[in-house]
Amino acid sequence: HSYIRRAVRSGDVEARRAILIGAVQSSDD
């Protein structure tokens, strides 16, 4: 559980997928 949580927070694991809609050029956060 700790390993998966840590991997997700670090961005090393893909948990879900999404399509972004809109002007995200200034939405780095």
PDB file of all heavy atoms in Angstrom:
ATOM      1  N   HIS A   1       0.834  -1.209   0.000  1.00  0.00           N
ATOM      2  CA  HIS A   1       0.000   0.000   0.000  1.00  0.00           C
ATOM      3  C   HIS A   1       0.865   1.255   0.000  1.00  0.00           C
ATOM      4  O   HIS A   1       0.631   2.192  -0.772  1.00  0.00           O
ATOM      5  CB  HIS A   1      -0.920  -0.017   1.217  1.00  0.00           C
ATOM      6  CG  HIS A   1      -1.923   1.100   1.232  1.00  0.00           C
ATOM      7  ND1 HIS A   1      -1.634   2.339   1.759  1.00  0.00           N
ATOM      8  CD2 HIS A   1      -3.203   1.162   0.771  1.00  0.00           C
ATOM      9  CE1 HIS A   1      -2.694   3.122   1.630  1.00  0.00           C
ATOM     10  NE2 HIS A   1      -3.658   2.440   1.036  1.00  0.00           N
ATOM     11  N   SER A   2       1.878   1.276   0.834  1.00  0.00           N
ATOM     12  CA  SER A   2       2.781   2.427   0.883  1.00  0.00           C
ATOM     13  C   SER A   2       3.532   2.595  -0.438  1.00  0.00           C
ATOM     14  O   SER A   2       3.718   3.717  -0.924  1.00  0.00           O
ATOM     15  CB  SER A   2       3.777   2.266   2.035  1.00  0.00           C
ATOM     16  OG  SER A   2       3.111   2.205   3.280  1.00  0.00           O
ATOM     17  N   TYR A   3       3.950   1.477  -1.041  1.00  0.00           N
ATOM     18  CA  TYR A   3       4.698   1.542  -2.299  1.00  0.00           C
ATOM     19  C   TYR A   3       3.837   2.119  -3.416  1.00  0.00           C
ATOM     20  O   TYR A   3       4.288   2.994  -4.181  1.00  0.00           O
ATOM     21  CB  TYR A   3       5.190   0.158  -2.678  1.00  0.00           C
ATOM     22  CG  TYR A   3       5.912   0.109  -4.000  1.00  0.00           C
ATOM     23  CD1 TYR A   3       7.225   0.549  -4.124  1.00  0.00           C
ATOM     24  CD2 TYR A   3       5.259  -0.358  -5.147  1.00  0.00           C
ATOM     25  CE1 TYR A   3       7.880   0.530  -5.337  1.00  0.00           C
ATOM     26  CE2 TYR A   3       5.904  -0.390  -6.367  1.00  0.00           C
ATOM     27  CZ  TYR A   3       7.212   0.059  -6.459  1.00  0.00           C
ATOM     28  OH  TYR A   3       7.840   0.040  -7.684  1.00  0.00           O
ATOM     29  N   ILE A   4       2.581   1.660  -3.517  1.00  0.00           N
ATOM     30  CA  ILE A   4       1.711   2.148  -4.589  1.00  0.00           C
ATOM     31  C   ILE A   4       1.373   3.612  -4.372  1.00  0.00           C
ATOM     32  O   ILE A   4       1.387   4.415  -5.317  1.00  0.00           O
ATOM     33  CB  ILE A   4       0.440   1.281  -4.672  1.00  0.00           C
ATOM     34  CG1 ILE A   4       0.766  -0.058  -5.324  1.00  0.00           C
ATOM     35  CG2 ILE A   4      -0.656   1.993  -5.458  1.00  0.00           C
ATOM     36  CD1 ILE A   4      -0.427  -0.941  -5.571  1.00  0.00           C
ATOM     37  N   ARG A   5       1.064   3.988  -3.143  1.00  0.00           N
ATOM     38  CA  ARG A   5       0.781   5.402  -2.868  1.00  0.00           C
ATOM     39  C   ARG A   5       1.971   6.278  -3.249  1.00  0.00           C
ATOM     40  O   ARG A   5       1.812   7.345  -3.859  1.00  0.00           O
ATOM     41  CB  ARG A   5       0.448   5.572  -1.385  1.00  0.00           C
ATOM     42  CG  ARG A   5      -0.967   5.171  -0.996  1.00  0.00           C
ATOM     43  CD  ARG A   5      -1.966   6.243  -1.416  1.00  0.00           C
ATOM     44  NE  ARG A   5      -3.291   5.966  -0.938  1.00  0.00           N
ATOM     45  CZ  ARG A   5      -3.780   6.392   0.219  1.00  0.00           C
ATOM     46  NH1 ARG A   5      -3.002   7.099   1.040  1.00  0.00           N
ATOM     47  NH2 ARG A   5      -5.016   6.122   0.567  1.00  0.00           N
ATOM     48  N   ARG A   6       3.171   5.829  -2.903  1.00  0.00           N
ATOM     49  CA  ARG A   6       4.377   6.603  -3.192  1.00  0.00           C
ATOM     50  C   ARG A   6       4.623   6.672  -4.699  1.00  0.00           C
ATOM     51  O   ARG A   6       5.017   7.719  -5.228  1.00  0.00           O
ATOM     52  CB  ARG A   6       5.568   5.980  -2.473  1.00  0.00           C
ATOM     53  CG  ARG A   6       6.850   6.789  -2.560  1.00  0.00           C
ATOM     54  CD  ARG A   6       7.892   6.288  -1.563  1.00  0.00           C
ATOM     55  NE  ARG A   6       8.206   4.876  -1.784  1.00  0.00           N
ATOM     56  CZ  ARG A   6       7.838   3.898  -0.971  1.00  0.00           C
ATOM     57  NH1 ARG A   6       7.123   4.161   0.115  1.00  0.00           N
ATOM     58  NH2 ARG A   6       8.174   2.640  -1.225  1.00  0.00           N
ATOM     59  N   ALA A   7       4.387   5.569  -5.395  1.00  0.00           N
ATOM     60  CA  ALA A   7       4.598   5.543  -6.841  1.00  0.00           C
ATOM     61  C   ALA A   7       3.613   6.448  -7.564  1.00  0.00           C
ATOM     62  O   ALA A   7       3.963   7.127  -8.540  1.00  0.00           O
ATOM     63  CB  ALA A   7       4.481   4.109  -7.353  1.00  0.00           C
ATOM     64  N   VAL A   8       2.372   6.482  -7.098  1.00  0.00           N
ATOM     65  CA  VAL A   8       1.360   7.354  -7.714  1.00  0.00           C
ATOM     66  C   VAL A   8       1.702   8.816  -7.479  1.00  0.00           C
ATOM     67  O   VAL A   8       1.629   9.647  -8.386  1.00  0.00           O
ATOM     68  CB  VAL A   8      -0.033   7.010  -7.162  1.00  0.00           C
ATOM     69  CG1 VAL A   8      -1.051   8.068  -7.585  1.00  0.00           C
ATOM     70  CG2 VAL A   8      -0.487   5.639  -7.651  1.00  0.00           C
ATOM     71  N   ARG A   9       2.081   9.158  -6.241  1.00  0.00           N
ATOM     72  CA  ARG A   9       2.411  10.554  -5.939  1.00  0.00           C
ATOM     73  C   ARG A   9       3.634  11.037  -6.713  1.00  0.00           C
ATOM     74  O   ARG A   9       3.713  12.208  -7.091  1.00  0.00           O
ATOM     75  CB  ARG A   9       2.653  10.720  -4.441  1.00  0.00           C
ATOM     76  CG  ARG A   9       1.401  10.703  -3.588  1.00  0.00           C
ATOM     77  CD  ARG A   9       1.691  11.270  -2.206  1.00  0.00           C
ATOM     78  NE  ARG A   9       2.705  10.502  -1.517  1.00  0.00           N
ATOM     79  CZ  ARG A   9       2.457   9.491  -0.695  1.00  0.00           C
ATOM     80  NH1 ARG A   9       1.194   9.132  -0.474  1.00  0.00           N
ATOM     81  NH2 ARG A   9       3.429   8.839  -0.091  1.00  0.00           N
ATOM     82  N   SER A  10       4.584  10.132  -6.955  1.00  0.00           N
ATOM     83  CA  SER A  10       5.791  10.533  -7.685  1.00  0.00           C
ATOM     84  C   SER A  10       5.558  10.602  -9.193  1.00  0.00           C
ATOM     85  O   SER A  10       6.423  11.068  -9.932  1.00  0.00           O
ATOM     86  CB  SER A  10       6.929   9.546  -7.390  1.00  0.00           C
ATOM     87  OG  SER A  10       6.619   8.253  -7.890  1.00  0.00           O
ATOM     88  N   GLY A  11       4.392  10.145  -9.654  1.00  0.00           N
ATOM     89  CA  GLY A  11       4.086  10.191 -11.074  1.00  0.00           C
ATOM     90  C   GLY A  11       4.670   9.051 -11.880  1.00  0.00           C
ATOM     91  O   GLY A  11       4.722   9.121 -13.106  1.00  0.00           O
ATOM     92  N   ASP A  12       5.117   7.990 -11.221  1.00  0.00           N
ATOM     93  CA  ASP A  12       5.710   6.856 -11.925  1.00  0.00           C
ATOM     94  C   ASP A  12       4.675   5.831 -12.365  1.00  0.00           C
ATOM     95  O   ASP A  12       5.005   4.921 -13.139  1.00  0.00           O
ATOM     96  CB  ASP A  12       6.740   6.154 -11.023  1.00  0.00           C
ATOM     97  CG  ASP A  12       7.932   7.047 -10.712  1.00  0.00           C
ATOM     98  OD1 ASP A  12       8.236   7.914 -11.557  1.00  0.00           O
ATOM     99  OD2 ASP A  12       8.534   6.889  -9.635  1.00  0.00           O
ATOM    100  N   VAL A  13       3.453   5.943 -11.868  1.00  0.00           N
ATOM    101  CA  VAL A  13       2.424   4.945 -12.151  1.00  0.00           C
ATOM    102  C   VAL A  13       1.179   5.643 -12.686  1.00  0.00           C
ATOM    103  O   VAL A  13       0.770   6.680 -12.168  1.00  0.00           O
ATOM    104  CB  VAL A  13       2.067   4.135 -10.881  1.00  0.00           C
ATOM    105  CG1 VAL A  13       0.890   3.212 -11.146  1.00  0.00           C
ATOM    106  CG2 VAL A  13       3.262   3.323 -10.428  1.00  0.00           C
ATOM    107  N   GLU A  14       0.609   5.065 -13.714  1.00  0.00           N
ATOM    108  CA  GLU A  14      -0.621   5.590 -14.302  1.00  0.00           C
ATOM    109  C   GLU A  14      -1.817   4.855 -13.711  1.00  0.00           C
ATOM    110  O   GLU A  14      -1.977   3.651 -13.896  1.00  0.00           O
ATOM    111  CB  GLU A  14      -0.590   5.390 -15.817  1.00  0.00           C
ATOM    112  CG  GLU A  14      -1.888   5.773 -16.508  1.00  0.00           C
ATOM    113  CD  GLU A  14      -1.870   5.365 -17.969  1.00  0.00           C
ATOM    114  OE1 GLU A  14      -0.793   5.373 -18.567  1.00  0.00           O
ATOM    115  OE2 GLU A  14      -2.958   5.022 -18.488  1.00  0.00           O
ATOM    116  N   ALA A  15      -2.654   5.591 -12.969  1.00  0.00           N
ATOM    117  CA  ALA A  15      -3.821   4.992 -12.347  1.00  0.00           C
ATOM    118  C   ALA A  15      -5.088   5.204 -13.167  1.00  0.00           C
ATOM    119  O   ALA A  15      -5.977   4.357 -13.187  1.00  0.00           O
ATOM    120  CB  ALA A  15      -4.028   5.569 -10.940  1.00  0.00           C
ATOM    121  N   ARG A  16      -5.180   6.352 -13.846  1.00  0.00           N
ATOM    122  CA  ARG A  16      -6.362   6.671 -14.640  1.00  0.00           C
ATOM    123  C   ARG A  16      -5.953   7.454 -15.875  1.00  0.00           C
ATOM    124  O   ARG A  16      -4.827   7.929 -15.977  1.00  0.00           O
ATOM    125  CB  ARG A  16      -7.362   7.501 -13.811  1.00  0.00           C
ATOM    126  CG  ARG A  16      -8.034   6.732 -12.694  1.00  0.00           C
ATOM    127  CD  ARG A  16      -8.804   7.681 -11.790  1.00  0.00           C
ATOM    128  NE  ARG A  16      -7.902   8.555 -11.046  1.00  0.00           N
ATOM    129  CZ  ARG A  16      -8.315   9.548 -10.256  1.00  0.00           C
ATOM    130  NH1 ARG A  16      -9.595   9.799 -10.140  1.00  0.00           N
ATOM    131  NH2 ARG A  16      -7.433  10.296  -9.597  1.00  0.00           N
ATOM    132  N   ARG A  17      -6.919   7.604 -16.803  1.00  0.00           N
ATOM    133  CA  ARG A  17      -6.677   8.374 -18.011  1.00  0.00           C
ATOM    134  C   ARG A  17      -7.765   9.419 -18.171  1.00  0.00           C
ATOM    135  O   ARG A  17      -8.891   9.239 -17.718  1.00  0.00           O
ATOM    136  CB  ARG A  17      -6.630   7.458 -19.247  1.00  0.00           C
ATOM    137  CG  ARG A  17      -5.450   6.496 -19.244  1.00  0.00           C
ATOM    138  CD  ARG A  17      -5.410   5.653 -20.502  1.00  0.00           C
ATOM    139  NE  ARG A  17      -4.268   4.731 -20.472  1.00  0.00           N
ATOM    140  CZ  ARG A  17      -3.974   3.895 -21.467  1.00  0.00           C
ATOM    141  NH1 ARG A  17      -4.743   3.861 -22.559  1.00  0.00           N
ATOM    142  NH2 ARG A  17      -2.921   3.101 -21.374  1.00  0.00           N
ATOM    143  N   ALA A  18      -7.407  10.516 -18.835  1.00  0.00           N
ATOM    144  CA  ALA A  18      -8.367  11.599 -19.007  1.00  0.00           C
ATOM    145  C   ALA A  18      -8.070  12.346 -20.297  1.00  0.00           C
ATOM    146  O   ALA A  18      -6.946  12.310 -20.818  1.00  0.00           O
ATOM    147  CB  ALA A  18      -8.314  12.554 -17.819  1.00  0.00           C
ATOM    148  N   ILE A  19      -9.090  13.006 -20.815  1.00  0.00           N
ATOM    149  CA  ILE A  19      -8.950  13.914 -21.954  1.00  0.00           C
ATOM    150  C   ILE A  19      -9.191  15.319 -21.437  1.00  0.00           C
ATOM    151  O   ILE A  19     -10.214  15.584 -20.796  1.00  0.00           O
ATOM    152  CB  ILE A  19      -9.943  13.571 -23.077  1.00  0.00           C
ATOM    153  CG1 ILE A  19      -9.636  12.186 -23.648  1.00  0.00           C
ATOM    154  CG2 ILE A  19      -9.881  14.615 -24.179  1.00  0.00           C
ATOM    155  CD1 ILE A  19     -10.614  11.746 -24.723  1.00  0.00           C
ATOM    156  N   LEU A  20      -8.251  16.216 -21.668  1.00  0.00           N
ATOM    157  CA  LEU A  20      -8.361  17.587 -21.195  1.00  0.00           C
ATOM    158  C   LEU A  20      -8.981  18.450 -22.287  1.00  0.00           C
ATOM    159  O   LEU A  20      -8.653  18.318 -23.466  1.00  0.00           O
ATOM    160  CB  LEU A  20      -6.984  18.128 -20.821  1.00  0.00           C
ATOM    161  CG  LEU A  20      -6.184  17.288 -19.818  1.00  0.00           C
ATOM    162  CD1 LEU A  20      -4.858  17.972 -19.507  1.00  0.00           C
ATOM    163  CD2 LEU A  20      -6.977  17.072 -18.545  1.00  0.00           C
ATOM    164  N   ILE A  21      -9.884  19.320 -21.864  1.00  0.00           N
ATOM    165  CA  ILE A  21     -10.586  20.205 -22.798  1.00  0.00           C
ATOM    166  C   ILE A  21     -10.415  21.633 -22.310  1.00  0.00           C
ATOM    167  O   ILE A  21     -10.694  21.939 -21.154  1.00  0.00           O
ATOM    168  CB  ILE A  21     -12.082  19.847 -22.893  1.00  0.00           C
ATOM    169  CG1 ILE A  21     -12.255  18.402 -23.367  1.00  0.00           C
ATOM    170  CG2 ILE A  21     -12.795  20.806 -23.837  1.00  0.00           C
ATOM    171  CD1 ILE A  21     -13.692  17.947 -23.410  1.00  0.00           C
ATOM    172  N   GLY A  22      -9.952  22.497 -23.175  1.00  0.00           N
ATOM    173  CA  GLY A  22      -9.807  23.897 -22.825  1.00  0.00           C
ATOM    174  C   GLY A  22      -8.401  24.390 -23.052  1.00  0.00           C
ATOM    175  O   GLY A  22      -7.528  23.665 -23.549  1.00  0.00           O
ATOM    176  N   ALA A  23      -8.165  25.653 -22.691  1.00  0.00           N
ATOM    177  CA  ALA A  23      -6.857  26.275 -22.860  1.00  0.00           C
ATOM    178  C   ALA A  23      -5.991  25.917 -21.660  1.00  0.00           C
ATOM    179  O   ALA A  23      -6.031  26.576 -20.625  1.00  0.00           O
ATOM    180  CB  ALA A  23      -7.006  27.788 -22.993  1.00  0.00           C
ATOM    181  N   VAL A  24      -5.210  24.866 -21.810  1.00  0.00           N
ATOM    182  CA  VAL A  24      -4.379  24.397 -20.696  1.00  0.00           C
ATOM    183  C   VAL A  24      -2.940  24.882 -20.814  1.00  0.00           C
ATOM    184  O   VAL A  24      -2.086  24.482 -20.028  1.00  0.00           O
ATOM    185  CB  VAL A  24      -4.389  22.849 -20.638  1.00  0.00           C
ATOM    186  CG1 VAL A  24      -5.781  22.342 -20.405  1.00  0.00           C
ATOM    187  CG2 VAL A  24      -3.782  22.255 -21.905  1.00  0.00           C
ATOM    188  N   GLN A  25      -2.683  25.756 -21.786  1.00  0.00           N
ATOM    189  CA  GLN A  25      -1.308  26.219 -21.967  1.00  0.00           C
ATOM    190  C   GLN A  25      -0.767  26.907 -20.718  1.00  0.00           C
ATOM    191  O   GLN A  25       0.436  26.873 -20.446  1.00  0.00           O
ATOM    192  CB  GLN A  25      -1.238  27.193 -23.154  1.00  0.00           C
ATOM    193  CG  GLN A  25      -1.401  26.511 -24.507  1.00  0.00           C
ATOM    194  CD  GLN A  25      -2.861  26.300 -24.884  1.00  0.00           C
ATOM    195  OE1 GLN A  25      -3.738  26.508 -24.065  1.00  0.00           O
ATOM    196  NE2 GLN A  25      -3.108  25.892 -26.119  1.00  0.00           N
ATOM    197  N   SER A  26      -1.637  27.537 -19.951  1.00  0.00           N
ATOM    198  CA  SER A  26      -1.202  28.251 -18.747  1.00  0.00           C
ATOM    199  C   SER A  26      -1.610  27.514 -17.478  1.00  0.00           C
ATOM    200  O   SER A  26      -1.699  28.119 -16.423  1.00  0.00           O
ATOM    201  CB  SER A  26      -1.815  29.661 -18.737  1.00  0.00           C
ATOM    202  OG  SER A  26      -3.234  29.578 -18.760  1.00  0.00           O
ATOM    203  N   SER A  27      -1.892  26.235 -17.600  1.00  0.00           N
ATOM    204  CA  SER A  27      -2.377  25.458 -16.456  1.00  0.00           C
ATOM    205  C   SER A  27      -1.365  24.398 -16.048  1.00  0.00           C
ATOM    206  O   SER A  27      -1.706  23.227 -15.888  1.00  0.00           O
ATOM    207  CB  SER A  27      -3.727  24.819 -16.795  1.00  0.00           C
ATOM    208  OG  SER A  27      -4.675  25.779 -17.162  1.00  0.00           O
ATOM    209  N   ASP A  28      -0.115  24.806 -15.885  1.00  0.00           N
ATOM    210  CA  ASP A  28       0.921  23.853 -15.503  1.00  0.00           C
ATOM    211  C   ASP A  28       0.637  23.230 -14.135  1.00  0.00           C
ATOM    212  O   ASP A  28       0.943  22.063 -13.899  1.00  0.00           O
ATOM    213  CB  ASP A  28       2.289  24.528 -15.483  1.00  0.00           C
ATOM    214  CG  ASP A  28       2.803  24.800 -16.891  1.00  0.00           C
ATOM    215  OD1 ASP A  28       2.136  24.374 -17.850  1.00  0.00           O
ATOM    216  OD2 ASP A  28       3.859  25.442 -17.026  1.00  0.00           O
ATOM    217  N   ASP A  29       0.073  24.036 -13.232  1.00  0.00           N
ATOM    218  CA  ASP A  29      -0.232  23.506 -11.901  1.00  0.00           C
ATOM    219  C   ASP A  29      -1.253  22.381 -11.993  1.00  0.00           C
ATOM    220  O   ASP A  29      -1.148  21.377 -11.280  1.00  0.00           O
ATOM    221  CB  ASP A  29      -0.758  24.617 -10.999  1.00  0.00           C
ATOM    222  CG  ASP A  29       0.315  25.630 -10.638  1.00  0.00           C
ATOM    223  OD1 ASP A  29       1.508  25.285 -10.782  1.00  0.00           O
ATOM    224  OD2 ASP A  29      -0.033  26.746 -10.222  1.00  0.00           O
TER     225      ASP A  29
END
